[in-house]
Amino acid sequence: MPVNPMDVMRMALDREHAAVRDYTEYAKTAKEKAIREMFLFLAGEEKKHVKLLQDEIDREVNREM
């Protein structure tokens, strides 16, 4: 269990990376165009979350230096 905010952000970042990977894989296997597009959209949204979390982690790391 995470014990501090940085651990929580890193855990969340790992989950977001997994979501990007999973949605991208689902898109590759989707037979219907609408379903494929939905999964690609969701992967794109998760990529935004990855960027937000990574930027915040980077700020925290730089602040600690």
N, C-alpha and C. Protein backbone atom coordinates (compact mmCIF):
# COMPACT_ATOMS: atom_id res chain seq x y z
N MET A 1 0.84 -1.18 0.00
CA MET A 1 0.00 0.00 0.00
C MET A 1 0.89 1.24 0.00
N PRO A 2 0.59 2.20 -0.88
CA PRO A 2 1.40 3.42 -0.94
C PRO A 2 1.35 4.17 0.39
N VAL A 3 2.48 4.77 0.73
CA VAL A 3 2.56 5.46 2.01
C VAL A 3 2.73 6.97 1.86
N ASN A 4 3.00 7.43 0.66
CA ASN A 4 3.14 8.87 0.47
C ASN A 4 2.62 9.27 -0.91
N PRO A 5 2.40 10.57 -1.11
CA PRO A 5 1.82 11.02 -2.38
C PRO A 5 2.63 10.61 -3.62
N MET A 6 3.95 10.59 -3.52
CA MET A 6 4.77 10.21 -4.67
C MET A 6 4.53 8.75 -5.04
N ASP A 7 4.41 7.89 -4.03
CA ASP A 7 4.10 6.49 -4.29
C ASP A 7 2.75 6.35 -4.98
N VAL A 8 1.78 7.13 -4.54
CA VAL A 8 0.44 7.09 -5.14
C VAL A 8 0.51 7.52 -6.60
N MET A 9 1.25 8.59 -6.87
CA MET A 9 1.37 9.06 -8.26
C MET A 9 2.08 8.03 -9.14
N ARG A 10 3.10 7.39 -8.62
CA ARG A 10 3.81 6.36 -9.40
C ARG A 10 2.91 5.15 -9.66
N MET A 11 2.12 4.77 -8.67
CA MET A 11 1.19 3.67 -8.84
C MET A 11 0.14 4.03 -9.90
N ALA A 12 -0.36 5.25 -9.82
CA ALA A 12 -1.34 5.71 -10.81
C ALA A 12 -0.72 5.75 -12.20
N LEU A 13 0.52 6.18 -12.30
CA LEU A 13 1.20 6.23 -13.59
C LEU A 13 1.32 4.83 -14.19
N ASP A 14 1.68 3.86 -13.37
CA ASP A 14 1.75 2.48 -13.84
C ASP A 14 0.41 2.00 -14.37
N ARG A 15 -0.66 2.33 -13.67
CA ARG A 15 -2.00 1.92 -14.10
C ARG A 15 -2.40 2.61 -15.40
N GLU A 16 -2.03 3.86 -15.54
CA GLU A 16 -2.36 4.58 -16.78
C GLU A 16 -1.60 3.98 -17.96
N HIS A 17 -0.33 3.64 -17.76
CA HIS A 17 0.44 2.98 -18.82
C HIS A 17 -0.22 1.66 -19.21
N ALA A 18 -0.67 0.91 -18.23
CA ALA A 18 -1.34 -0.37 -18.51
C ALA A 18 -2.63 -0.14 -19.29
N ALA A 19 -3.36 0.90 -18.95
CA ALA A 19 -4.60 1.20 -19.65
C ALA A 19 -4.33 1.57 -21.11
N VAL A 20 -3.29 2.36 -21.35
CA VAL A 20 -2.92 2.71 -22.73
C VAL A 20 -2.61 1.44 -23.50
N ARG A 21 -1.80 0.59 -22.91
CA ARG A 21 -1.42 -0.67 -23.57
C ARG A 21 -2.66 -1.53 -23.86
N ASP A 22 -3.52 -1.67 -22.86
CA ASP A 22 -4.70 -2.52 -23.02
C ASP A 22 -5.65 -1.98 -24.07
N TYR A 23 -5.97 -0.69 -24.00
CA TYR A 23 -6.89 -0.11 -24.98
C TYR A 23 -6.32 -0.19 -26.39
N THR A 24 -5.02 -0.01 -26.52
CA THR A 24 -4.38 -0.12 -27.84
C THR A 24 -4.50 -1.54 -28.37
N GLU A 25 -4.28 -2.51 -27.52
CA GLU A 25 -4.42 -3.92 -27.93
C GLU A 25 -5.86 -4.24 -28.29
N TYR A 26 -6.82 -3.75 -27.50
CA TYR A 26 -8.22 -3.99 -27.81
C TYR A 26 -8.57 -3.39 -29.17
N ALA A 27 -8.03 -2.22 -29.46
CA ALA A 27 -8.30 -1.57 -30.75
C ALA A 27 -7.78 -2.43 -31.89
N LYS A 28 -6.63 -3.04 -31.69
CA LYS A 28 -6.05 -3.88 -32.75
C LYS A 28 -6.91 -5.10 -33.05
N THR A 29 -7.62 -5.59 -32.08
CA THR A 29 -8.41 -6.80 -32.27
C THR A 29 -9.88 -6.53 -32.58
N ALA A 30 -10.31 -5.27 -32.44
CA ALA A 30 -11.71 -4.94 -32.69
C ALA A 30 -12.04 -5.10 -34.17
N LYS A 31 -13.13 -5.77 -34.43
CA LYS A 31 -13.55 -5.99 -35.81
C LYS A 31 -14.40 -4.84 -36.35
N GLU A 32 -15.12 -4.20 -35.46
CA GLU A 32 -15.98 -3.09 -35.88
C GLU A 32 -15.21 -1.77 -35.77
N LYS A 33 -15.35 -0.96 -36.80
CA LYS A 33 -14.64 0.32 -36.85
C LYS A 33 -14.99 1.20 -35.65
N ALA A 34 -16.27 1.28 -35.29
CA ALA A 34 -16.70 2.14 -34.18
C ALA A 34 -16.06 1.70 -32.86
N ILE A 35 -15.96 0.39 -32.65
CA ILE A 35 -15.35 -0.12 -31.43
C ILE A 35 -13.85 0.18 -31.43
N ARG A 36 -13.20 -0.03 -32.57
CA ARG A 36 -11.77 0.27 -32.70
C ARG A 36 -11.50 1.75 -32.41
N GLU A 37 -12.34 2.62 -32.97
CA GLU A 37 -12.16 4.06 -32.76
C GLU A 37 -12.38 4.43 -31.29
N MET A 38 -13.34 3.77 -30.64
CA MET A 38 -13.59 4.05 -29.23
C MET A 38 -12.36 3.68 -28.40
N PHE A 39 -11.78 2.50 -28.65
CA PHE A 39 -10.60 2.10 -27.89
C PHE A 39 -9.42 3.01 -28.18
N LEU A 40 -9.26 3.45 -29.40
CA LEU A 40 -8.18 4.38 -29.72
C LEU A 40 -8.39 5.72 -29.01
N PHE A 41 -9.64 6.16 -28.96
CA PHE A 41 -9.96 7.39 -28.23
C PHE A 41 -9.60 7.23 -26.75
N LEU A 42 -10.01 6.10 -26.16
CA LEU A 42 -9.72 5.87 -24.75
C LEU A 42 -8.22 5.80 -24.50
N ALA A 43 -7.48 5.17 -25.40
CA ALA A 43 -6.01 5.13 -25.26
C ALA A 43 -5.44 6.54 -25.28
N GLY A 44 -5.98 7.37 -26.16
CA GLY A 44 -5.52 8.76 -26.23
C GLY A 44 -5.79 9.53 -24.94
N GLU A 45 -6.96 9.28 -24.35
CA GLU A 45 -7.28 9.93 -23.08
C GLU A 45 -6.32 9.48 -21.99
N GLU A 46 -6.02 8.19 -21.96
CA GLU A 46 -5.10 7.68 -20.96
C GLU A 46 -3.69 8.26 -21.16
N LYS A 47 -3.30 8.48 -22.40
CA LYS A 47 -1.99 9.10 -22.67
C LYS A 47 -1.93 10.50 -22.07
N LYS A 48 -3.06 11.21 -22.09
CA LYS A 48 -3.10 12.54 -21.46
C LYS A 48 -2.87 12.41 -19.95
N HIS A 49 -3.48 11.40 -19.36
CA HIS A 49 -3.29 11.17 -17.93
C HIS A 49 -1.84 10.83 -17.61
N VAL A 50 -1.23 10.02 -18.48
CA VAL A 50 0.19 9.68 -18.31
C VAL A 50 1.02 10.95 -18.28
N LYS A 51 0.78 11.84 -19.23
CA LYS A 51 1.55 13.08 -19.30
C LYS A 51 1.35 13.93 -18.05
N LEU A 52 0.11 14.07 -17.61
CA LEU A 52 -0.16 14.86 -16.41
C LEU A 52 0.57 14.29 -15.19
N LEU A 53 0.46 12.98 -15.02
CA LEU A 53 1.13 12.36 -13.87
C LEU A 53 2.65 12.45 -13.98
N GLN A 54 3.18 12.21 -15.17
CA GLN A 54 4.63 12.26 -15.33
C GLN A 54 5.15 13.67 -15.09
N ASP A 55 4.43 14.66 -15.59
CA ASP A 55 4.83 16.06 -15.35
C ASP A 55 4.84 16.38 -13.86
N GLU A 56 3.83 15.91 -13.15
CA GLU A 56 3.76 16.18 -11.71
C GLU A 56 4.88 15.46 -10.97
N ILE A 57 5.15 14.22 -11.33
CA ILE A 57 6.25 13.48 -10.71
C ILE A 57 7.58 14.19 -10.98
N ASP A 58 7.79 14.62 -12.21
CA ASP A 58 9.02 15.34 -12.55
C ASP A 58 9.15 16.62 -11.73
N ARG A 59 8.06 17.36 -11.56
CA ARG A 59 8.10 18.58 -10.74
C ARG A 59 8.48 18.26 -9.30
N GLU A 60 7.89 17.21 -8.77
CA GLU A 60 8.19 16.83 -7.39
C GLU A 60 9.65 16.40 -7.23
N VAL A 61 10.15 15.64 -8.18
CA VAL A 61 11.54 15.19 -8.12
C VAL A 61 12.48 16.38 -8.20
N ASN A 62 12.20 17.30 -9.11
CA ASN A 62 13.05 18.50 -9.25
C ASN A 62 12.97 19.39 -8.02
N ARG A 63 11.83 19.42 -7.38
CA ARG A 63 11.66 20.23 -6.17
C ARG A 63 12.49 19.65 -5.02
N GLU A 64 12.62 18.32 -4.99
CA GLU A 64 13.38 17.67 -3.92
C GLU A 64 14.88 17.83 -4.08
N MET A 65 15.35 18.18 -5.26
CA MET A 65 16.79 18.30 -5.52
C MET A 65 17.33 19.58 -4.98
